[in-house]
């Protein structure tokens, strides 16, 4: 397989480069739980609560795209360097990042759209009723802060800060080919027989044999030949929800959160995507 065939994925990378230039680079502002507990009127409470939720939604969308772009660059670098280990490690990181984003963002887009009218009213400072969403809040916090907690941290932080097993994120995409690819990559990253392939082979006459042949390029191409469409589709599972989240932020932010605004050029083609059409219907019904 030639470089040109591999970089059939490059159209998505080009899109990410363009989108990155449209995303605002901002400082986020959150108040302490103590200060939040002191708010004694509904309008202000809802204003603070939902403006912070929308900031977290912006973080999830923006960082999904930036992280995906960075992993792609690592994958491309390892491919060009003909480094099998680097290629497999980068591809594994890319797949994990995509499944993490899909798992979390996929759970927040629907409730945000379903409550769109109230959220917009809240951010305008005109709410006259209280609407809170712990599940939505937990998913956004999990995306931002999910990690392996130390013994001391387990007593200090809620479960939303605890990372799940990677398999749980992968399973949310429900792709057999993705699971097969990920399992293969893990056998290269972890000590196993498959990790010896770059320098050891099973010879038909001599059995196991160490060799000094350069086979990394062939190994990388073999993965791409078998899983190129799976890789592309998995990247889409992260990219489209991320764009939807940024579009929602644009529609909800108003003057208060105008610093979060993503340039419209980032959303070219989004209006025809099934996910966005579904969200628009929920927004209109909210």
Protein backbone atom coordinates (compact mmCIF):
# COMPACT_ATOMS: atom_id res chain seq x y z
CA UNK A 1 0.00 0.00 0.00
CA UNK A 2 1.34 3.44 -0.93
CA UNK A 3 1.47 6.54 1.26
CA UNK A 4 -1.26 8.01 -0.90
CA UNK A 5 -3.61 5.11 -0.13
CA UNK A 6 -2.92 5.36 3.59
CA UNK A 7 -3.53 9.06 3.56
CA UNK A 8 -7.00 8.49 2.21
CA UNK A 9 -7.65 9.29 5.88
CA UNK A 10 -6.03 12.65 5.34
CA UNK A 11 -9.27 14.31 4.29
CA UNK A 12 -10.48 13.96 7.87
CA UNK A 13 -7.18 15.31 9.17
CA UNK A 14 -7.49 18.32 6.87
CA UNK A 15 -10.96 18.93 8.28
CA UNK A 16 -9.61 18.80 11.83
CA UNK A 17 -6.88 21.31 10.98
CA UNK A 18 -9.52 23.66 9.59
CA UNK A 19 -11.82 23.15 12.57
CA UNK A 20 -8.99 23.80 15.01
CA UNK A 21 -8.58 27.24 13.48
CA UNK A 22 -12.26 27.94 14.12
CA UNK A 23 -12.25 26.97 17.81
CA UNK A 24 -11.89 29.75 20.37
CA UNK A 25 -8.96 29.50 22.78
CA UNK A 26 -10.41 30.71 26.07
CA UNK A 27 -10.14 30.64 29.85
CA UNK A 28 -12.99 28.84 31.58
CA UNK A 29 -14.49 30.16 34.81
CA UNK A 30 -16.12 28.01 37.50
CA UNK A 31 -17.15 28.99 41.00
CA UNK A 32 -16.52 26.89 44.10
CA UNK A 33 -19.17 24.58 45.54
CA UNK A 34 -19.21 26.76 48.64
CA UNK A 35 -20.00 29.91 46.66
CA UNK A 36 -22.59 28.05 44.59
CA UNK A 37 -24.37 26.92 47.75
CA UNK A 38 -24.74 30.55 48.83
CA UNK A 39 -26.78 31.58 45.79
CA UNK A 40 -30.28 32.27 47.06
CA UNK A 41 -32.34 33.05 43.96
CA UNK A 42 -33.43 30.80 41.12
CA UNK A 43 -32.39 32.99 38.20
CA UNK A 44 -28.80 33.39 39.38
CA UNK A 45 -28.52 29.74 40.42
CA UNK A 46 -29.65 28.55 36.99
CA UNK A 47 -27.46 31.10 35.24
CA UNK A 48 -24.34 29.87 37.03
CA UNK A 49 -25.26 26.18 36.84
CA UNK A 50 -26.02 26.05 33.13
CA UNK A 51 -23.28 28.43 32.03
CA UNK A 52 -20.77 26.13 33.73
CA UNK A 53 -22.36 23.09 32.07
CA UNK A 54 -22.09 24.74 28.67
CA UNK A 55 -18.45 25.58 29.32
CA UNK A 56 -17.83 21.90 30.06
CA UNK A 57 -19.66 20.98 26.88
CA UNK A 58 -17.33 23.29 24.97
CA UNK A 59 -14.33 21.65 26.63
CA UNK A 60 -15.52 18.19 25.60
CA UNK A 61 -16.09 19.18 21.98
CA UNK A 62 -12.93 21.23 21.54
CA UNK A 63 -10.57 18.79 23.25
CA UNK A 64 -12.03 15.83 21.36
CA UNK A 65 -11.03 17.43 18.08
CA UNK A 66 -7.64 18.64 19.31
CA UNK A 67 -6.80 15.27 20.88
CA UNK A 68 -7.92 13.36 17.79
CA UNK A 69 -5.77 15.60 15.60
CA UNK A 70 -2.74 15.05 17.84
CA UNK A 71 -3.14 11.26 17.82
CA UNK A 72 -3.50 11.27 14.04
CA UNK A 73 -0.26 13.23 13.73
CA UNK A 74 1.48 10.67 15.93
CA UNK A 75 0.07 7.84 13.80
CA UNK A 76 1.19 9.52 10.59
CA UNK A 77 4.67 10.15 12.00
CA UNK A 78 5.11 6.49 13.02
CA UNK A 79 3.84 5.29 9.64
CA UNK A 80 6.29 7.46 7.72
CA UNK A 81 9.10 6.37 10.06
CA UNK A 82 8.18 2.71 9.39
CA UNK A 83 7.97 2.05 13.13
CA UNK A 84 5.58 -0.80 13.94
CA UNK A 85 5.56 -0.24 17.69
CA UNK A 86 5.01 3.50 17.35
CA UNK A 87 2.30 2.94 14.77
CA UNK A 88 0.39 0.43 16.91
CA UNK A 89 0.73 2.53 20.08
CA UNK A 90 -0.49 5.66 18.29
CA UNK A 91 -3.38 3.84 16.66
CA UNK A 92 -4.38 2.35 19.99
CA UNK A 93 -4.31 5.81 21.58
CA UNK A 94 -6.41 7.23 18.76
CA UNK A 95 -9.06 4.51 19.13
CA UNK A 96 -9.19 4.93 22.90
CA UNK A 97 -9.59 8.69 22.55
CA UNK A 98 -12.39 8.30 20.03
CA UNK A 99 -14.31 5.80 22.13
CA UNK A 100 -13.89 7.92 25.27
CA UNK A 101 -15.31 10.97 23.51
CA UNK A 102 -18.17 9.04 21.95
CA UNK A 103 -19.05 7.43 25.28
CA UNK A 104 -19.27 10.74 27.16
CA UNK A 105 -20.42 13.28 24.57
CA UNK A 106 -22.94 10.83 23.19
CA UNK A 107 -24.69 10.82 26.56
CA UNK A 108 -24.98 14.59 26.92
CA UNK A 109 -26.12 15.79 23.49
CA UNK A 110 -29.66 14.46 23.80
CA UNK A 111 -30.47 15.87 27.28
CA UNK A 112 -28.95 19.24 26.37
CA UNK A 113 -31.11 19.38 23.24
CA UNK A 114 -34.21 18.20 25.09
CA UNK A 115 -33.77 21.00 27.64
CA UNK A 116 -32.53 23.56 25.13
CA UNK A 117 -35.22 26.18 25.77
CA UNK A 118 -34.77 26.14 29.53
CA UNK A 119 -30.97 26.22 29.27
CA UNK A 120 -31.10 29.21 26.92
CA UNK A 121 -33.50 31.02 29.24
CA UNK A 122 -31.22 30.23 32.18
CA UNK A 123 -28.11 31.57 30.47
CA UNK A 124 -30.06 34.74 29.67
CA UNK A 125 -30.66 35.13 33.42
CA UNK A 126 -34.44 34.78 33.15
CA UNK A 127 -35.12 31.32 34.60
CA UNK A 128 -38.07 31.09 36.98
CA UNK A 129 -37.71 27.41 37.81
CA UNK A 130 -34.85 25.12 38.81
CA UNK A 131 -33.73 22.34 36.50
CA UNK A 132 -30.63 20.36 37.45
CA UNK A 133 -29.16 17.24 35.84
CA UNK A 134 -26.75 15.17 37.89
CA UNK A 135 -26.29 12.52 35.15
CA UNK A 136 -25.39 15.20 32.61
CA UNK A 137 -23.05 16.89 35.06
CA UNK A 138 -21.40 13.58 35.97
CA UNK A 139 -20.74 12.67 32.33
CA UNK A 140 -19.10 16.02 31.58
CA UNK A 141 -17.02 15.86 34.75
CA UNK A 142 -16.05 12.27 33.94
CA UNK A 143 -14.86 13.28 30.49
CA UNK A 144 -12.71 16.06 31.94
CA UNK A 145 -11.39 14.46 35.11
CA UNK A 146 -11.82 10.68 34.73
CA UNK A 147 -8.60 8.93 35.75
CA UNK A 148 -7.24 6.11 37.88
CA UNK A 149 -7.73 7.36 41.42
CA UNK A 150 -5.15 6.81 44.13
CA UNK A 151 -6.23 5.35 47.46
CA UNK A 152 -6.34 8.84 48.96
CA UNK A 153 -8.33 10.24 46.03
CA UNK A 154 -11.00 7.54 46.25
CA UNK A 155 -12.16 8.97 49.58
CA UNK A 156 -12.06 12.54 48.28
CA UNK A 157 -13.69 12.37 44.84
CA UNK A 158 -17.02 11.14 43.49
CA UNK A 159 -17.27 8.16 41.12
CA UNK A 160 -17.52 10.59 38.21
CA UNK A 161 -13.77 11.17 38.60
CA UNK A 162 -12.98 7.46 38.28
CA UNK A 163 -11.97 6.20 34.83
CA UNK A 164 -13.83 3.20 33.47
CA UNK A 165 -12.19 0.22 31.82
CA UNK A 166 -11.26 1.00 28.21
CA UNK A 167 -13.45 -1.88 27.09
CA UNK A 168 -16.52 -0.03 28.39
CA UNK A 169 -15.73 2.95 26.18
CA UNK A 170 -15.08 0.72 23.17
CA UNK A 171 -18.29 -1.23 23.70
CA UNK A 172 -20.32 1.97 23.47
CA UNK A 173 -19.47 2.09 19.74
CA UNK A 174 -20.61 -1.52 19.25
CA UNK A 175 -18.22 -2.46 16.46
CA UNK A 176 -16.87 -5.97 16.13
CA UNK A 177 -14.08 -4.88 13.79
CA UNK A 178 -13.04 -2.15 16.24
CA UNK A 179 -12.84 -4.71 19.04
CA UNK A 180 -10.75 -7.03 16.85
CA UNK A 181 -8.37 -4.25 15.88
CA UNK A 182 -8.00 -3.03 19.44
CA UNK A 183 -7.25 -6.54 20.72
CA UNK A 184 -4.54 -6.92 18.08
CA UNK A 185 -2.95 -3.59 19.02
CA UNK A 186 -2.95 -4.54 22.70
CA UNK A 187 -0.98 -7.69 21.88
CA UNK A 188 1.70 -5.51 20.33
CA UNK A 189 1.77 -2.93 23.14
CA UNK A 190 1.81 -5.62 25.83
CA UNK A 191 4.50 -8.32 26.07
CA UNK A 192 3.24 -11.13 23.83
CA UNK A 193 4.25 -13.26 20.86
CA UNK A 194 2.80 -10.69 18.47
CA UNK A 195 5.19 -8.06 19.81
CA UNK A 196 8.16 -10.14 18.55
CA UNK A 197 7.10 -10.04 14.90
CA UNK A 198 9.42 -7.16 13.84
CA UNK A 199 12.47 -9.31 14.58
CA UNK A 200 11.34 -12.94 14.93
CA UNK A 201 9.42 -15.21 12.57
CA UNK A 202 8.29 -18.80 12.31
CA UNK A 203 10.38 -20.25 9.45
CA UNK A 204 8.88 -23.32 7.67
CA UNK A 205 12.21 -25.21 7.87
CA UNK A 206 13.98 -23.84 10.91
CA UNK A 207 11.12 -22.97 13.26
CA UNK A 208 11.43 -19.74 15.26
CA UNK A 209 14.14 -17.54 13.82
CA UNK A 210 15.54 -14.15 14.74
CA UNK A 211 16.06 -12.01 11.67
CA UNK A 212 17.36 -8.58 10.78
CA UNK A 213 14.87 -7.85 8.01
CA UNK A 214 12.98 -4.56 7.90
CA UNK A 215 9.34 -5.62 8.09
CA UNK A 216 7.73 -2.73 9.98
CA UNK A 217 6.40 -1.05 6.85
CA UNK A 218 4.74 -4.26 5.67
CA UNK A 219 3.22 -4.83 9.11
CA UNK A 220 1.81 -1.30 9.23
CA UNK A 221 0.39 -1.62 5.73
CA UNK A 222 -1.21 -4.93 6.63
CA UNK A 223 -3.12 -3.27 9.48
CA UNK A 224 -4.24 -0.44 7.23
CA UNK A 225 -5.32 -2.83 4.48
CA UNK A 226 -7.55 -4.70 6.92
CA UNK A 227 -8.84 -1.89 9.10
CA UNK A 228 -8.72 1.40 7.22
CA UNK A 229 -12.53 1.72 7.09
CA UNK A 230 -12.81 0.81 10.77
CA UNK A 231 -10.31 3.52 11.72
CA UNK A 232 -12.12 6.11 9.62
CA UNK A 233 -15.53 5.21 11.04
CA UNK A 234 -14.23 5.26 14.61
CA UNK A 235 -12.81 8.75 14.07
CA UNK A 236 -16.23 9.83 12.80
CA UNK A 237 -17.83 8.49 15.99
CA UNK A 238 -15.83 11.13 17.88
CA UNK A 239 -15.73 13.98 15.37
CA UNK A 240 -19.43 14.42 14.58
CA UNK A 241 -20.64 14.46 18.22
CA UNK A 242 -17.84 16.91 19.04
CA UNK A 243 -19.00 19.23 16.27
CA UNK A 244 -22.59 18.91 17.48
CA UNK A 245 -21.52 19.92 20.98
CA UNK A 246 -19.73 23.02 19.68
CA UNK A 247 -22.75 23.93 17.55
CA UNK A 248 -24.99 23.65 20.61
CA UNK A 249 -22.64 25.91 22.54
CA UNK A 250 -22.89 28.50 19.76
CA UNK A 251 -26.68 28.38 19.88
CA UNK A 252 -26.89 28.53 23.67
CA UNK A 253 -24.04 30.82 24.62
CA UNK A 254 -25.47 34.24 23.85
CA UNK A 255 -23.56 37.35 24.92
CA UNK A 256 -22.53 35.82 28.25
CA UNK A 257 -20.53 33.00 26.65
CA UNK A 258 -19.68 34.64 23.34
CA UNK A 259 -15.97 33.92 23.96
CA UNK A 260 -16.76 30.24 23.35
CA UNK A 261 -18.07 30.88 19.85
CA UNK A 262 -16.80 28.54 17.12
CA UNK A 263 -16.64 29.99 13.61
CA UNK A 264 -19.42 28.75 11.34
CA UNK A 265 -16.94 27.34 8.82
CA UNK A 266 -16.28 24.46 11.25
CA UNK A 267 -19.82 23.16 10.77
CA UNK A 268 -19.91 22.79 7.00
CA UNK A 269 -21.94 19.68 6.19
CA UNK A 270 -23.17 19.20 9.77
CA UNK A 271 -26.74 20.24 8.96
CA UNK A 272 -27.12 17.13 6.77
CA UNK A 273 -25.80 14.67 9.35
CA UNK A 274 -28.39 12.37 10.94
CA UNK A 275 -27.23 13.13 14.46
CA UNK A 276 -27.62 16.88 14.05
CA UNK A 277 -31.02 16.49 12.39
CA UNK A 278 -32.16 14.47 15.39
CA UNK A 279 -30.85 17.10 17.80
CA UNK A 280 -32.56 19.90 15.87
CA UNK A 281 -35.88 18.10 16.19
CA UNK A 282 -35.40 17.82 19.95
CA UNK A 283 -34.46 21.50 20.17
CA UNK A 284 -37.61 22.54 18.32
CA UNK A 285 -39.73 20.39 20.64
CA UNK A 286 -38.09 21.67 23.85
